[in-house]
C-alpha atoms as a PDB file:
ATOM      1  CA  MET A   1     -13.662  80.007  95.939  1.00  0.00           C
ATOM      2  CA  ASP A   2     -13.412  80.029  92.065  1.00  0.00           C
ATOM      3  CA  LEU A   3     -10.779  82.190  90.815  1.00  0.00           C
ATOM      4  CA  ASN A   4     -11.981  84.680  87.868  1.00  0.00           C
ATOM      5  CA  TYR A   5      -9.840  85.029  85.064  1.00  0.00           C
ATOM      6  CA  SER A   6     -10.093  87.585  82.368  1.00  0.00           C
ATOM      7  CA  ILE A   7     -10.678  86.248  78.533  1.00  0.00           C
ATOM      8  CA  TYR A   8      -8.679  89.274  77.220  1.00  0.00           C
ATOM      9  CA  THR A   9      -5.136  88.253  79.342  1.00  0.00           C
ATOM     10  CA  THR A  10      -5.663  84.432  80.030  1.00  0.00           C
ATOM     11  CA  SER A  11      -4.773  81.512  77.572  1.00  0.00           C
ATOM     12  CA  LEU A  12      -6.649  78.541  77.641  1.00  0.00           C
ATOM     13  CA  MET A  13      -5.074  75.153  77.763  1.00  0.00           C
ATOM     14  CA  MET A  14      -6.516  72.075  75.557  1.00  0.00           C
ATOM     15  CA  GLU A  15      -5.819  68.696  76.537  1.00  0.00           C
ATOM     16  CA  SER A  16      -2.610  67.096  75.428  1.00  0.00           C
ATOM     17  CA  LEU A  17      -2.570  64.784  72.466  1.00  0.00           C
ATOM     18  CA  GLU A  18      -0.413  62.367  74.211  1.00  0.00           C
ATOM     19  CA  ILE A  19       1.829  61.827  71.095  1.00  0.00           C
ATOM     20  CA  LEU A  20       5.387  60.554  71.744  1.00  0.00           C
ATOM     21  CA  PRO A  21       8.084  62.798  70.518  1.00  0.00           C
ATOM     22  CA  SER A  22       9.328  60.232  67.910  1.00  0.00           C
ATOM     23  CA  ASN A  23       5.634  60.328  66.531  1.00  0.00           C
ATOM     24  CA  ILE A  24       5.142  64.189  66.333  1.00  0.00           C
ATOM     25  CA  PHE A  25       6.503  64.529  62.748  1.00  0.00           C
ATOM     26  CA  PRO A  26       4.809  61.449  61.300  1.00  0.00           C
ATOM     27  CA  ALA A  27       1.485  62.765  62.942  1.00  0.00           C
ATOM     28  CA  PHE A  28       1.844  66.212  61.585  1.00  0.00           C
ATOM     29  CA  ILE A  29       2.454  65.051  57.854  1.00  0.00           C
ATOM     30  CA  PHE A  30      -0.538  62.592  58.277  1.00  0.00           C
ATOM     31  CA  GLY A  31      -2.618  65.708  59.478  1.00  0.00           C
ATOM     32  CA  THR A  32      -1.471  67.864  57.108  1.00  0.00           C
ATOM     33  CA  LEU A  33      -1.974  65.490  54.130  1.00  0.00           C
ATOM     34  CA  THR A  34      -5.423  64.451  55.477  1.00  0.00           C
ATOM     35  CA  TYR A  35      -6.480  68.144  55.100  1.00  0.00           C
ATOM     36  CA  CYS A  36      -4.876  68.696  51.758  1.00  0.00           C
ATOM     37  CA  THR A  37      -7.188  65.907  50.637  1.00  0.00           C
ATOM     38  CA  ILE A  38     -10.320  67.054  52.420  1.00  0.00           C
ATOM     39  CA  LEU A  39      -9.778  70.536  50.444  1.00  0.00           C
ATOM     40  CA  PHE A  40      -8.738  68.591  47.199  1.00  0.00           C
ATOM     41  CA  LEU A  41     -11.820  66.436  47.115  1.00  0.00           C
ATOM     42  CA  ASN A  42     -14.486  68.896  48.442  1.00  0.00           C
ATOM     43  CA  MET A  43     -12.773  71.814  45.765  1.00  0.00           C
ATOM     44  CA  THR A  44     -13.047  69.188  43.067  1.00  0.00           C
ATOM     45  CA  VAL A  45     -16.973  68.824  43.669  1.00  0.00           C
ATOM     46  CA  LEU A  46     -17.251  72.521  44.004  1.00  0.00           C
ATOM     47  CA  LEU A  47     -15.211  73.199  40.861  1.00  0.00           C
ATOM     48  CA  THR A  48     -17.204  70.400  38.677  1.00  0.00           C
ATOM     49  CA  ILE A  49     -20.578  71.830  39.426  1.00  0.00           C
ATOM     50  CA  ALA A  50     -19.723  75.613  39.167  1.00  0.00           C
ATOM     51  CA  LEU A  51     -18.077  75.307  35.872  1.00  0.00           C
ATOM     52  CA  ASN A  52     -20.533  72.752  34.268  1.00  0.00           C
ATOM     53  CA  ARG A  53     -23.884  74.101  33.474  1.00  0.00           C
ATOM     54  CA  LYS A  54     -25.303  70.799  32.866  1.00  0.00           C
ATOM     55  CA  LEU A  55     -25.076  70.556  36.824  1.00  0.00           C
ATOM     56  CA  HIS A  56     -26.817  73.566  37.600  1.00  0.00           C
ATOM     57  CA  LYS A  57     -29.981  71.761  38.735  1.00  0.00           C
ATOM     58  CA  PRO A  58     -31.402  71.908  42.115  1.00  0.00           C
ATOM     59  CA  MET A  59     -29.878  68.532  43.627  1.00  0.00           C
ATOM     60  CA  TYR A  60     -26.339  69.826  42.686  1.00  0.00           C
ATOM     61  CA  ILE A  61     -26.950  73.381  43.904  1.00  0.00           C
ATOM     62  CA  LEU A  62     -28.014  72.053  47.194  1.00  0.00           C
ATOM     63  CA  LEU A  63     -25.253  69.755  47.108  1.00  0.00           C
ATOM     64  CA  PHE A  64     -22.610  72.581  46.345  1.00  0.00           C
ATOM     65  CA  ASN A  65     -23.227  73.883  49.828  1.00  0.00           C
ATOM     66  CA  LEU A  66     -22.062  70.701  51.333  1.00  0.00           C
ATOM     67  CA  PRO A  67     -18.042  71.186  50.482  1.00  0.00           C
ATOM     68  CA  LEU A  68     -18.439  74.502  51.593  1.00  0.00           C
ATOM     69  CA  SER A  69     -19.836  73.379  55.140  1.00  0.00           C
ATOM     70  CA  ASP A  70     -17.042  70.376  55.302  1.00  0.00           C
ATOM     71  CA  MET A  71     -14.046  72.612  54.159  1.00  0.00           C
ATOM     72  CA  MET A  72     -15.101  75.082  56.869  1.00  0.00           C
ATOM     73  CA  GLY A  73     -15.022  72.431  59.644  1.00  0.00           C
ATOM     74  CA  ALA A  74     -11.737  70.855  58.380  1.00  0.00           C
ATOM     75  CA  SER A  75     -10.168  74.619  58.218  1.00  0.00           C
ATOM     76  CA  ALA A  76     -11.625  75.140  61.860  1.00  0.00           C
ATOM     77  CA  PHE A  77     -10.041  71.927  63.242  1.00  0.00           C
ATOM     78  CA  PHE A  78      -6.645  71.009  61.138  1.00  0.00           C
ATOM     79  CA  PRO A  79      -4.242  73.982  61.065  1.00  0.00           C
ATOM     80  CA  GLN A  80      -4.751  74.729  64.750  1.00  0.00           C
ATOM     81  CA  LEU A  81      -4.318  70.748  65.165  1.00  0.00           C
ATOM     82  CA  VAL A  82      -1.273  70.526  62.841  1.00  0.00           C
ATOM     83  CA  SER A  83       0.486  73.722  64.332  1.00  0.00           C
ATOM     84  CA  SER A  84       0.209  72.659  67.679  1.00  0.00           C
ATOM     85  CA  LEU A  85       1.788  69.226  66.927  1.00  0.00           C
ATOM     86  CA  LEU A  86       4.795  71.041  65.797  1.00  0.00           C
ATOM     87  CA  SER A  87       5.126  73.871  68.570  1.00  0.00           C
ATOM     88  CA  GLN A  88       4.133  71.431  71.199  1.00  0.00           C
ATOM     89  CA  ASN A  89       1.914  74.264  72.550  1.00  0.00           C
ATOM     90  CA  ARG A  90      -1.615  73.480  73.346  1.00  0.00           C
ATOM     91  CA  SER A  91      -2.553  76.903  74.786  1.00  0.00           C
ATOM     92  CA  ILE A  92      -4.803  78.961  72.716  1.00  0.00           C
ATOM     93  CA  THR A  93      -6.547  82.220  73.275  1.00  0.00           C
ATOM     94  CA  TYR A  94     -10.132  82.627  74.312  1.00  0.00           C
ATOM     95  CA  SER A  95     -11.197  84.561  71.083  1.00  0.00           C
ATOM     96  CA  ALA A  96      -9.412  82.109  68.880  1.00  0.00           C
ATOM     97  CA  CYS A  97     -10.988  79.258  70.761  1.00  0.00           C
ATOM     98  CA  PHE A  98     -14.503  80.752  70.573  1.00  0.00           C
ATOM     99  CA  VAL A  99     -13.902  81.364  66.770  1.00  0.00           C
ATOM    100  CA  GLN A 100     -13.023  77.561  66.277  1.00  0.00           C
ATOM    101  CA  ALA A 101     -16.175  76.857  68.263  1.00  0.00           C
ATOM    102  CA  LEU A 102     -18.289  78.590  66.199  1.00  0.00           C
ATOM    103  CA  LEU A 103     -17.055  77.401  63.007  1.00  0.00           C
ATOM    104  CA  VAL A 104     -16.887  73.908  64.251  1.00  0.00           C
ATOM    105  CA  HIS A 105     -20.517  73.717  65.094  1.00  0.00           C
ATOM    106  CA  LEU A 106     -21.658  75.793  61.976  1.00  0.00           C
ATOM    107  CA  TYR A 107     -19.885  72.798  60.250  1.00  0.00           C
ATOM    108  CA  GLY A 108     -22.006  70.227  62.234  1.00  0.00           C
ATOM    109  CA  ALA A 109     -25.316  72.090  61.892  1.00  0.00           C
ATOM    110  CA  GLY A 110     -24.943  72.948  58.275  1.00  0.00           C
ATOM    111  CA  ALA A 111     -24.140  69.298  57.279  1.00  0.00           C
ATOM    112  CA  PHE A 112     -27.194  68.309  58.864  1.00  0.00           C
ATOM    113  CA  LEU A 113     -29.332  70.818  57.433  1.00  0.00           C
ATOM    114  CA  ILE A 114     -28.053  70.422  53.814  1.00  0.00           C
ATOM    115  CA  LEU A 115     -28.348  66.656  54.168  1.00  0.00           C
ATOM    116  CA  THR A 116     -31.880  67.194  55.161  1.00  0.00           C
ATOM    117  CA  ALA A 117     -32.511  69.771  52.000  1.00  0.00           C
ATOM    118  CA  MET A 118     -30.984  67.091  49.687  1.00  0.00           C
ATOM    119  CA  ALA A 119     -32.860  64.333  50.986  1.00  0.00           C
ATOM    120  CA  TYR A 120     -36.006  66.313  50.389  1.00  0.00           C
ATOM    121  CA  ASP A 121     -34.972  67.410  46.812  1.00  0.00           C
ATOM    122  CA  ARG A 122     -34.646  63.604  46.044  1.00  0.00           C
ATOM    123  CA  TYR A 123     -38.187  62.625  47.649  1.00  0.00           C
ATOM    124  CA  ILE A 124     -39.553  65.451  45.364  1.00  0.00           C
ATOM    125  CA  ALA A 125     -37.934  64.309  42.275  1.00  0.00           C
ATOM    126  CA  ILE A 126     -38.749  60.558  42.836  1.00  0.00           C
ATOM    127  CA  CYS A 127     -41.877  60.507  44.579  1.00  0.00           C
ATOM    128  CA  CYS A 128     -43.655  63.485  43.169  1.00  0.00           C
ATOM    129  CA  PRO A 129     -41.924  63.794  39.721  1.00  0.00           C
ATOM    130  CA  LEU A 130     -44.653  65.929  37.957  1.00  0.00           C
ATOM    131  CA  LYS A 131     -44.399  68.592  40.845  1.00  0.00           C
ATOM    132  CA  TYR A 132     -40.771  68.484  40.849  1.00  0.00           C
ATOM    133  CA  ASN A 133     -40.314  71.490  38.606  1.00  0.00           C
ATOM    134  CA  ASN A 134     -42.818  73.561  40.566  1.00  0.00           C
ATOM    135  CA  VAL A 135     -41.831  72.822  43.997  1.00  0.00           C
ATOM    136  CA  MET A 136     -37.916  73.058  42.947  1.00  0.00           C
ATOM    137  CA  SER A 137     -38.312  76.259  41.198  1.00  0.00           C
ATOM    138  CA  PRO A 138     -35.219  78.450  41.468  1.00  0.00           C
ATOM    139  CA  ASN A 139     -37.075  80.984  43.645  1.00  0.00           C
ATOM    140  CA  ASN A 140     -37.908  77.870  46.362  1.00  0.00           C
ATOM    141  CA  LEU A 141     -34.564  76.458  45.682  1.00  0.00           C
ATOM    142  CA  LEU A 142     -33.346  80.295  46.713  1.00  0.00           C
ATOM    143  CA  LYS A 143     -35.472  80.007  49.752  1.00  0.00           C
ATOM    144  CA  ILE A 144     -34.422  76.798  50.623  1.00  0.00           C
ATOM    145  CA  ILE A 145     -30.645  77.654  50.889  1.00  0.00           C
ATOM    146  CA  ILE A 146     -31.569  80.836  52.423  1.00  0.00           C
ATOM    147  CA  ILE A 147     -33.261  79.503  55.175  1.00  0.00           C
ATOM    148  CA  MET A 148     -31.153  76.730  55.810  1.00  0.00           C
ATOM    149  CA  TRP A 149     -27.729  78.833  56.252  1.00  0.00           C
ATOM    150  CA  THR A 150     -30.108  81.401  58.239  1.00  0.00           C
ATOM    151  CA  LEU A 151     -31.052  78.732  60.703  1.00  0.00           C
ATOM    152  CA  ASP A 152     -27.318  77.634  61.105  1.00  0.00           C
ATOM    153  CA  PHE A 153     -26.074  80.849  61.848  1.00  0.00           C
ATOM    154  CA  THR A 154     -28.932  81.915  63.922  1.00  0.00           C
ATOM    155  CA  LEU A 155     -28.929  79.133  66.378  1.00  0.00           C
ATOM    156  CA  ILE A 156     -25.275  78.325  66.527  1.00  0.00           C
ATOM    157  CA  GLY A 157     -24.496  81.893  67.064  1.00  0.00           C
ATOM    158  CA  LEU A 158     -26.840  82.209  69.962  1.00  0.00           C
ATOM    159  CA  LEU A 159     -25.827  79.006  71.286  1.00  0.00           C
ATOM    160  CA  LEU A 160     -22.149  80.419  71.401  1.00  0.00           C
ATOM    161  CA  ALA A 161     -23.243  83.855  72.513  1.00  0.00           C
ATOM    162  CA  LEU A 162     -24.727  82.236  75.720  1.00  0.00           C
ATOM    163  CA  ASN A 163     -21.402  81.246  76.796  1.00  0.00           C
ATOM    164  CA  TYR A 164     -19.651  84.390  76.210  1.00  0.00           C
ATOM    165  CA  ARG A 165     -18.332  86.004  79.432  1.00  0.00           C
ATOM    166  CA  LYS A 166     -15.785  88.636  80.151  1.00  0.00           C
ATOM    167  CA  GLU A 167     -14.544  86.592  83.078  1.00  0.00           C
ATOM    168  CA  ILE A 168     -14.408  82.786  83.374  1.00  0.00           C
ATOM    169  CA  CYS A 169     -13.461  80.480  86.209  1.00  0.00           C
ATOM    170  CA  SER A 170     -11.339  77.866  84.464  1.00  0.00           C
ATOM    171  CA  THR A 171      -8.502  77.736  81.713  1.00  0.00           C
ATOM    172  CA  LYS A 172      -8.979  74.064  80.872  1.00  0.00           C
ATOM    173  CA  ILE A 173     -10.471  72.996  77.629  1.00  0.00           C
ATOM    174  CA  VAL A 174     -11.711  69.314  78.078  1.00  0.00           C
ATOM    175  CA  ASP A 175     -11.383  68.198  74.397  1.00  0.00           C
ATOM    176  CA  ILE A 176      -8.579  68.341  71.850  1.00  0.00           C
ATOM    177  CA  PHE A 177     -10.308  70.901  69.954  1.00  0.00           C
ATOM    178  CA  CYS A 178     -12.706  73.922  71.179  1.00  0.00           C
ATOM    179  CA  ASN A 179     -16.318  73.510  71.121  1.00  0.00           C
ATOM    180  CA  ASN A 180     -19.604  74.368  72.861  1.00  0.00           C
ATOM    181  CA  PRO A 181     -19.645  71.847  75.840  1.00  0.00           C
ATOM    182  CA  SER A 182     -15.758  72.707  76.523  1.00  0.00           C
ATOM    183  CA  LEU A 183     -16.547  76.479  76.430  1.00  0.00           C
ATOM    184  CA  MET A 184     -19.549  76.176  78.862  1.00  0.00           C
ATOM    185  CA  LYS A 185     -17.610  74.451  81.341  1.00  0.00           C
ATOM    186  CA  LEU A 186     -15.443  77.489  81.919  1.00  0.00           C
ATOM    187  CA  VAL A 187     -18.313  79.654  82.543  1.00  0.00           C
ATOM    188  CA  CYS A 188     -18.687  81.004  86.143  1.00  0.00           C
ATOM    189  CA  GLY A 189     -22.300  80.762  87.971  1.00  0.00           C
ATOM    190  CA  ASP A 190     -25.638  79.308  86.548  1.00  0.00           C
ATOM    191  CA  THR A 191     -25.303  77.711  82.999  1.00  0.00           C
ATOM    192  CA  LYS A 192     -28.980  76.270  83.411  1.00  0.00           C
ATOM    193  CA  LEU A 193     -30.244  78.261  80.492  1.00  0.00           C
ATOM    194  CA  ASN A 194     -27.187  77.209  78.241  1.00  0.00           C
ATOM    195  CA  ASN A 195     -27.911  73.710  79.161  1.00  0.00           C
ATOM    196  CA  TYR A 196     -31.680  74.008  78.096  1.00  0.00           C
ATOM    197  CA  TYR A 197     -30.891  75.924  74.789  1.00  0.00           C
ATOM    198  CA  GLY A 198     -28.083  73.547  73.959  1.00  0.00           C
ATOM    199  CA  LEU A 199     -30.696  70.460  74.259  1.00  0.00           C
ATOM    200  CA  PHE A 200     -32.983  72.551  72.100  1.00  0.00           C
ATOM    201  CA  VAL A 201     -30.666  73.069  69.359  1.00  0.00           C
ATOM    202  CA  THR A 202     -29.517  69.400  69.597  1.00  0.00           C
ATOM    203  CA  ALA A 203     -33.137  68.202  69.386  1.00  0.00           C
ATOM    204  CA  PHE A 204     -33.781  70.276  66.583  1.00  0.00           C
ATOM    205  CA  ILE A 205     -30.607  70.240  64.239  1.00  0.00           C
ATOM    206  CA  GLN A 206     -30.273  66.400  64.891  1.00  0.00           C
ATOM    207  CA  GLY A 207     -33.519  65.128  65.540  1.00  0.00           C
ATOM    208  CA  LEU A 208     -35.465  66.541  62.804  1.00  0.00           C
ATOM    209  CA  PRO A 209     -33.281  66.060  60.030  1.00  0.00           C
ATOM    210  CA  LEU A 210     -33.030  62.227  61.299  1.00  0.00           C
ATOM    211  CA  LEU A 211     -36.944  61.714  61.162  1.00  0.00           C
ATOM    212  CA  ILE A 212     -36.821  63.701  57.577  1.00  0.00           C
ATOM    213  CA  VAL A 213     -34.143  61.822  56.294  1.00  0.00           C
ATOM    214  CA  VAL A 214     -35.200  58.533  57.305  1.00  0.00           C
ATOM    215  CA  LEU A 215     -38.841  58.818  56.282  1.00  0.00           C
ATOM    216  CA  THR A 216     -38.099  60.350  52.837  1.00  0.00           C
ATOM    217  CA  TYR A 217     -35.499  57.598  52.096  1.00  0.00           C
ATOM    218  CA  MET A 218     -38.069  55.041  53.312  1.00  0.00           C
ATOM    219  CA  GLN A 219     -40.791  56.537  50.863  1.00  0.00           C
ATOM    220  CA  ILE A 220     -38.162  56.577  48.091  1.00  0.00           C
ATOM    221  CA  LEU A 221     -37.343  52.931  48.498  1.00  0.00           C
ATOM    222  CA  ILE A 222     -41.185  52.084  48.691  1.00  0.00           C
ATOM    223  CA  THR A 223     -42.263  54.164  45.643  1.00  0.00           C
ATOM    224  CA  VAL A 224     -39.243  52.436  43.577  1.00  0.00           C
ATOM    225  CA  VAL A 225     -40.178  49.214  44.714  1.00  0.00           C
ATOM    226  CA  VAL A 226     -43.783  49.637  43.714  1.00  0.00           C
ATOM    227  CA  LYS A 227     -42.905  50.547  40.191  1.00  0.00           C
ATOM    228  CA  ARG A 228     -41.259  46.887  39.744  1.00  0.00           C
ATOM    229  CA  GLN A 229     -38.317  48.213  37.626  1.00  0.00           C
ATOM    230  CA  SER A 230     -35.409  46.087  38.456  1.00  0.00           C
ATOM    231  CA  ASP A 231     -32.784  48.561  37.416  1.00  0.00           C
ATOM    232  CA  ALA A 232     -34.094  51.705  39.101  1.00  0.00           C
ATOM    233  CA  LYS A 233     -34.669  49.444  42.001  1.00  0.00           C
ATOM    234  CA  SER A 234     -31.176  48.129  42.705  1.00  0.00           C
ATOM    235  CA  LYS A 235     -29.914  51.654  41.914  1.00  0.00           C
ATOM    236  CA  ALA A 236     -32.481  53.363  44.342  1.00  0.00           C
ATOM    237  CA  ILE A 237     -31.598  50.994  47.196  1.00  0.00           C
ATOM    238  CA  GLN A 238     -27.651  51.168  46.593  1.00  0.00           C
ATOM    239  CA  THR A 239     -27.621  55.205  46.460  1.00  0.00           C
ATOM    240  CA  CYS A 240     -30.173  55.873  49.101  1.00  0.00           C
ATOM    241  CA  GLY A 241     -28.888  52.825  51.093  1.00  0.00           C
ATOM    242  CA  THR A 242     -25.378  54.112  51.065  1.00  0.00           C
ATOM    243  CA  HIS A 243     -26.617  57.677  51.859  1.00  0.00           C
ATOM    244  CA  LEU A 244     -28.584  56.552  54.612  1.00  0.00           C
ATOM    245  CA  ILE A 245     -25.579  54.662  56.291  1.00  0.00           C
ATOM    246  CA  VAL A 246     -23.424  57.551  55.953  1.00  0.00           C
ATOM    247  CA  PHE A 247     -25.952  60.127  57.420  1.00  0.00           C
ATOM    248  CA  LEU A 248     -26.643  57.616  60.210  1.00  0.00           C
ATOM    249  CA  CYS A 249     -22.889  57.230  61.135  1.00  0.00           C
ATOM    250  CA  PHE A 250     -22.486  61.116  61.243  1.00  0.00           C
ATOM    251  CA  GLU A 251     -25.666  61.619  63.249  1.00  0.00           C
ATOM    252  CA  PHE A 252     -24.977  59.328  65.834  1.00  0.00           C
ATOM    253  CA  THR A 253     -21.223  59.875  66.081  1.00  0.00           C
ATOM    254  CA  THR A 254     -21.968  63.207  66.847  1.00  0.00           C
ATOM    255  CA  LEU A 255     -24.744  62.541  69.303  1.00  0.00           C
ATOM    256  CA  PHE A 256     -22.477  60.551  71.331  1.00  0.00           C
ATOM    257  CA  ALA A 257     -19.558  62.941  70.957  1.00  0.00           C
ATOM    258  CA  LEU A 258     -22.083  65.530  72.642  1.00  0.00           C
ATOM    259  CA  ILE A 259     -23.485  63.141  75.289  1.00  0.00           C
ATOM    260  CA  ALA A 260     -19.816  62.477  76.399  1.00  0.00           C
ATOM    261  CA  HIS A 261     -19.196  65.810  77.015  1.00  0.00           C
ATOM    262  CA  ARG A 262     -22.272  65.701  79.298  1.00  0.00           C
ATOM    263  CA  PHE A 263     -21.371  62.820  81.520  1.00  0.00           C
ATOM    264  CA  GLU A 264     -18.443  63.655  83.714  1.00  0.00           C
ATOM    265  CA  SER A 265     -17.672  59.443  84.034  1.00  0.00           C
ATOM    266  CA  ALA A 266     -17.366  59.144  80.088  1.00  0.00           C
ATOM    267  CA  PRO A 267     -13.901  58.032  79.348  1.00  0.00           C
ATOM    268  CA  GLN A 268     -11.351  60.599  78.083  1.00  0.00           C
ATOM    269  CA  ASN A 269     -10.179  58.796  75.014  1.00  0.00           C
ATOM    270  CA  LEU A 270     -13.805  57.927  74.170  1.00  0.00           C
ATOM    271  CA  ARG A 271     -14.750  61.595  73.981  1.00  0.00           C
ATOM    272  CA  ARG A 272     -11.566  62.403  71.972  1.00  0.00           C
ATOM    273  CA  ALA A 273     -12.103  59.700  69.307  1.00  0.00           C
ATOM    274  CA  LEU A 274     -15.684  60.600  68.986  1.00  0.00           C
ATOM    275  CA  GLY A 275     -14.860  64.345  68.293  1.00  0.00           C
ATOM    276  CA  ALA A 276     -11.779  63.799  66.065  1.00  0.00           C
ATOM    277  CA  SER A 277     -14.267  61.249  64.097  1.00  0.00           C
ATOM    278  CA  VAL A 278     -16.793  64.093  63.506  1.00  0.00           C
ATOM    279  CA  MET A 279     -14.254  66.261  62.342  1.00  0.00           C
ATOM    280  CA  ILE A 280     -12.145  64.138  60.323  1.00  0.00           C
ATOM    281  CA  PHE A 281     -14.082  61.687  58.545  1.00  0.00           C
ATOM    282  CA  PRO A 282     -17.434  63.522  56.809  1.00  0.00           C
ATOM    283  CA  PRO A 283     -15.420  65.696  55.140  1.00  0.00           C
ATOM    284  CA  ILE A 284     -13.506  63.100  53.277  1.00  0.00           C
ATOM    285  CA  ILE A 285     -16.563  61.003  52.779  1.00  0.00           C
ATOM    286  CA  ASN A 286     -19.223  63.444  52.009  1.00  0.00           C
ATOM    287  CA  PRO A 287     -17.442  64.718  48.827  1.00  0.00           C
ATOM    288  CA  LEU A 288     -17.036  60.907  47.734  1.00  0.00           C
ATOM    289  CA  ILE A 289     -20.297  59.531  48.535  1.00  0.00           C
ATOM    290  CA  TYR A 290     -22.508  62.110  47.614  1.00  0.00           C
ATOM    291  CA  GLY A 291     -20.619  63.892  44.916  1.00  0.00           C
ATOM    292  CA  LEU A 292     -17.835  61.977  43.127  1.00  0.00           C
ATOM    293  CA  LYS A 293     -19.844  58.777  43.074  1.00  0.00           C
ATOM    294  CA  THR A 294     -22.679  60.305  41.445  1.00  0.00           C
ATOM    295  CA  LYS A 295     -22.671  59.187  37.782  1.00  0.00           C
ATOM    296  CA  GLU A 296     -23.761  62.772  36.084  1.00  0.00           C
ATOM    297  CA  ILE A 297     -20.753  64.406  38.355  1.00  0.00           C
ATOM    298  CA  GLN A 298     -18.164  61.653  37.178  1.00  0.00           C
ATOM    299  CA  GLN A 299     -19.238  62.100  33.611  1.00  0.00           C
ATOM    300  CA  ASN A 300     -18.735  65.752  33.428  1.00  0.00           C
ATOM    301  CA  LEU A 301     -15.482  65.792  35.495  1.00  0.00           C
ATOM    302  CA  ILE A 302     -14.048  63.539  33.036  1.00  0.00           C
ATOM    303  CA  PHE A 303     -14.949  65.745  30.196  1.00  0.00           C
ATOM    304  CA  PHE A 304     -13.858  68.685  31.600  1.00  0.00           C
ATOM    305  CA  ILE A 305     -10.477  66.982  32.384  1.00  0.00           C
ATOM    306  CA  ARG A 306     -10.214  65.816  29.009  1.00  0.00           C
ATOM    307  CA  LYS A 307     -11.031  69.116  27.740  1.00  0.00           C
ATOM    308  CA  LYS A 308      -8.102  70.550  29.312  1.00  0.00           C
ATOM    309  CA  VAL A 309      -5.766  67.952  28.355  1.00  0.00           C
ATOM    310  CA  SER A 310      -6.371  67.608  24.654  1.00  0.00           C
ATOM    311  CA  PRO A 311      -5.327  71.131  23.698  1.00  0.00           C
ATOM    312  CA  THR A 312      -2.091  70.444  25.146  1.00  0.00           C
ATOM    313  CA  LYS A 313      -1.793  66.864  23.428  1.00  0.00           C
ATOM    314  CA  GLN A 314      -2.679  68.657  20.175  1.00  0.00           C
ATOM    315  CA  LYS A 315      -0.004  71.420  20.714  1.00  0.00           C
ATOM    316  CA  ASN A 316       2.406  68.935  21.649  1.00  0.00           C
ATOM    317  CA  LYS A 317       1.610  66.726  18.134  1.00  0.00           C
ATOM    318  CA  VAL A 318       1.993  70.389  16.260  1.00  0.00           C
ATOM    319  CA  ASP A 319       5.093  71.177  17.783  1.00  0.00           C
ATOM    320  CA  ARG A 320       6.790  67.804  16.779  1.00  0.00           C
ATOM    321  CA  VAL A 321       5.450  68.030  13.221  1.00  0.00           C
ATOM    322  CA  LYS A 322       7.045  71.427  13.023  1.00  0.00           C
ATOM    323  CA  ARG A 323      10.329  69.960  14.278  1.00  0.00           C
ATOM    324  CA  GLN A 324      10.442  67.157  11.958  1.00  0.00           C
ATOM    325  CA  LEU A 325       9.712  69.634   8.739  1.00  0.00           C
ATOM    326  CA  LYS A 326      12.711  71.815  10.036  1.00  0.00           C
END
């Protein structure tokens, strides 16, 4: 007979990290530095776009949302992870676990929706340039962003809400961080509705963006090849190819991580590795590939740094001249 545990008085236990005592401090330093790197890279992209009027264009306004999503995911994952490393305590309250799972899935779903909107923007800009200003007008851009985040919060909020119970039948989180599949395994009774809705959300959030992104990038490449402009062709192939590879890696890593939770026979280490990869690599790679690698962002970032550094150098020169005169 299953025991029922109250979520208000029971702590959950996440899987052990299985790190040797001698490696705990290096792992803590590595986790902290990784988190700081993610915040630094994503904040750099955010501030560069926000503080430069030249970048207040649909492409970069859509891109502005990606670092927000990445930092949300990293902040849900890393602080809890590094604190449990130091304390060697893998317990977590149900409410904290629920919030972590909510933020983790908002980050994942948000990233897919944002990348899809960015692919659509590039498709209109390259394949239908005459219609671009009308299609991506400020009003339409605002609608896209609102729809994007509304879908994210609605779909993921309902997904997690279906797992909320006042009593649970297990206290073991079968992962190194809290997520929807691990919370669902705590639920007492029938979870068919949870399963069906989870499959629908996975198909919608991952299947539809995959179709749109692949088709749009293929159409972009075809359009550029037809125009027979060698410079534009090589640049488009390099940019679209890189974006597509990064997107597909994120897509299939996330998909395999979800599949691993549905099969009890899946190796525990594989499930951990896939889950950790989804939480660590995209927030580092996204600001580099989609942001800092973009020529216009690079130019504006360099200009902004020079603008801030030049007055300081000028002031130092003036001070030196004054001292010499004295």
